[in-house]
Amino acid sequence: MQSAVVERDTNVVVNRIVATASIALPPDGCYLVDITDLLCDIGWVYDPASNTFTDPNPPPPPPEPAPEEVTITPSDPQEPVV
């Protein structure tokens, strides 16, 4: 089983380990959360009420595409301008 080591005061994940969360002893000031079917990483914040992890620093959104270049050509010089 995979477990997250979560700091008790901040609910921040400080490590990921292979251990059974319900059996293994956590380090002082921490608790273990079973993450076998959950996505989390070091630095993420755990919400015990919803049993979810959130990334406090999600990746930035992709940049907006550059505007297309538009070339304006003058009218055909042989045509009269009306």
C-alpha atoms as a PDB file:
ATOM      1  CA  MET A   1       0.000   0.000   0.000  1.00  0.00           C
ATOM      2  CA  GLN A   2       1.048   3.563  -0.640  1.00  0.00           C
ATOM      3  CA  SER A   3       0.717   6.101   2.168  1.00  0.00           C
ATOM      4  CA  ALA A   4       1.214   9.827   2.406  1.00  0.00           C
ATOM      5  CA  VAL A   5       2.996  11.196   5.451  1.00  0.00           C
ATOM      6  CA  VAL A   6       0.984  14.306   6.322  1.00  0.00           C
ATOM      7  CA  GLU A   7       2.157  16.973   8.772  1.00  0.00           C
ATOM      8  CA  ARG A   8      -0.469  17.275  11.501  1.00  0.00           C
ATOM      9  CA  ASP A   9      -0.325  21.084  11.910  1.00  0.00           C
ATOM     10  CA  THR A  10      -0.494  22.046   8.231  1.00  0.00           C
ATOM     11  CA  ASN A  11      -1.980  18.981   6.456  1.00  0.00           C
ATOM     12  CA  VAL A  12       0.895  19.211   3.966  1.00  0.00           C
ATOM     13  CA  VAL A  13       2.291  15.989   2.498  1.00  0.00           C
ATOM     14  CA  VAL A  14       5.928  15.675   3.566  1.00  0.00           C
ATOM     15  CA  ASN A  15       6.626  12.230   2.085  1.00  0.00           C
ATOM     16  CA  ARG A  16       5.174   9.246   0.236  1.00  0.00           C
ATOM     17  CA  ILE A  17       6.002   5.795   1.557  1.00  0.00           C
ATOM     18  CA  VAL A  18       5.143   2.147   1.070  1.00  0.00           C
ATOM     19  CA  ALA A  19       3.247   1.302   4.261  1.00  0.00           C
ATOM     20  CA  THR A  20      -0.210   0.353   5.452  1.00  0.00           C
ATOM     21  CA  ALA A  21      -1.639   3.589   6.833  1.00  0.00           C
ATOM     22  CA  SER A  22      -3.849   1.809   9.372  1.00  0.00           C
ATOM     23  CA  ILE A  23      -0.959  -0.261  10.815  1.00  0.00           C
ATOM     24  CA  ALA A  24       2.326   1.645  10.410  1.00  0.00           C
ATOM     25  CA  LEU A  25       3.437   4.240  12.948  1.00  0.00           C
ATOM     26  CA  PRO A  26       3.813   7.749  11.506  1.00  0.00           C
ATOM     27  CA  PRO A  27       6.727  10.042  12.385  1.00  0.00           C
ATOM     28  CA  ASP A  28       6.224  12.474  15.290  1.00  0.00           C
ATOM     29  CA  GLY A  29       3.843  15.306  14.405  1.00  0.00           C
ATOM     30  CA  CYS A  30       2.471  13.453  11.373  1.00  0.00           C
ATOM     31  CA  TYR A  31      -0.224  11.000  10.376  1.00  0.00           C
ATOM     32  CA  LEU A  32      -0.543   8.544   7.507  1.00  0.00           C
ATOM     33  CA  VAL A  33      -3.182   8.567   4.768  1.00  0.00           C
ATOM     34  CA  ASP A  34      -3.782   5.657   2.397  1.00  0.00           C
ATOM     35  CA  ILE A  35      -3.137   6.963  -1.125  1.00  0.00           C
ATOM     36  CA  THR A  36      -3.341   3.671  -3.001  1.00  0.00           C
ATOM     37  CA  ASP A  37      -6.122   5.025  -5.260  1.00  0.00           C
ATOM     38  CA  LEU A  38      -5.463   8.754  -4.827  1.00  0.00           C
ATOM     39  CA  LEU A  39      -3.202  11.199  -6.639  1.00  0.00           C
ATOM     40  CA  CYS A  40      -0.898  13.260  -4.442  1.00  0.00           C
ATOM     41  CA  ASP A  41       2.708  14.376  -4.155  1.00  0.00           C
ATOM     42  CA  ILE A  42       5.048  15.999  -1.679  1.00  0.00           C
ATOM     43  CA  GLY A  43       3.920  19.549  -0.933  1.00  0.00           C
ATOM     44  CA  TRP A  44       0.270  18.913  -1.696  1.00  0.00           C
ATOM     45  CA  VAL A  45      -2.386  19.755   0.904  1.00  0.00           C
ATOM     46  CA  TYR A  46      -4.660  17.065   2.348  1.00  0.00           C
ATOM     47  CA  ASP A  47      -8.308  17.782   3.221  1.00  0.00           C
ATOM     48  CA  PRO A  48      -9.389  15.160   5.777  1.00  0.00           C
ATOM     49  CA  ALA A  49     -13.063  16.157   5.475  1.00  0.00           C
ATOM     50  CA  SER A  50     -13.217  15.165   1.796  1.00  0.00           C
ATOM     51  CA  ASN A  51     -10.224  12.779   1.730  1.00  0.00           C
ATOM     52  CA  THR A  52      -8.720  14.707  -1.190  1.00  0.00           C
ATOM     53  CA  PHE A  53      -5.344  16.220  -1.997  1.00  0.00           C
ATOM     54  CA  THR A  54      -4.810  19.492  -3.840  1.00  0.00           C
ATOM     55  CA  ASP A  55      -1.719  20.856  -5.532  1.00  0.00           C
ATOM     56  CA  PRO A  56      -1.049  24.327  -4.086  1.00  0.00           C
ATOM     57  CA  ASN A  57       1.053  25.183  -7.144  1.00  0.00           C
ATOM     58  CA  PRO A  58      -0.801  23.911 -10.197  1.00  0.00           C
ATOM     59  CA  PRO A  59       0.948  24.346 -13.523  1.00  0.00           C
ATOM     60  CA  PRO A  60       0.298  27.661 -15.258  1.00  0.00           C
ATOM     61  CA  PRO A  61      -2.264  27.674 -18.046  1.00  0.00           C
ATOM     62  CA  PRO A  62      -0.879  27.274 -21.551  1.00  0.00           C
ATOM     63  CA  PRO A  63      -0.023  30.538 -23.300  1.00  0.00           C
ATOM     64  CA  GLU A  64      -2.575  32.030 -25.627  1.00  0.00           C
ATOM     65  CA  PRO A  65      -1.827  31.427 -29.299  1.00  0.00           C
ATOM     66  CA  ALA A  66      -0.179  34.297 -31.139  1.00  0.00           C
ATOM     67  CA  PRO A  67      -2.546  36.303 -33.337  1.00  0.00           C
ATOM     68  CA  GLU A  68      -2.481  35.353 -36.984  1.00  0.00           C
ATOM     69  CA  GLU A  69      -0.623  37.702 -39.272  1.00  0.00           C
ATOM     70  CA  VAL A  70      -2.871  39.416 -41.758  1.00  0.00           C
ATOM     71  CA  THR A  71      -1.394  40.909 -44.893  1.00  0.00           C
ATOM     72  CA  ILE A  72      -3.350  43.717 -46.497  1.00  0.00           C
ATOM     73  CA  THR A  73      -2.583  44.224 -50.155  1.00  0.00           C
ATOM     74  CA  PRO A  74      -3.554  47.348 -52.097  1.00  0.00           C
ATOM     75  CA  SER A  75      -6.239  47.095 -54.731  1.00  0.00           C
ATOM     76  CA  ASP A  76      -5.242  46.053 -58.221  1.00  0.00           C
ATOM     77  CA  PRO A  77      -3.725  49.265 -59.685  1.00  0.00           C
ATOM     78  CA  GLN A  78      -5.352  48.567 -63.027  1.00  0.00           C
ATOM     79  CA  GLU A  79      -8.860  48.696 -61.586  1.00  0.00           C
ATOM     80  CA  PRO A  80     -10.375  52.152 -61.202  1.00  0.00           C
ATOM     81  CA  VAL A  81     -11.265  53.151 -57.683  1.00  0.00           C
ATOM     82  CA  VAL A  82     -14.892  54.129 -57.408  1.00  0.00           C
END
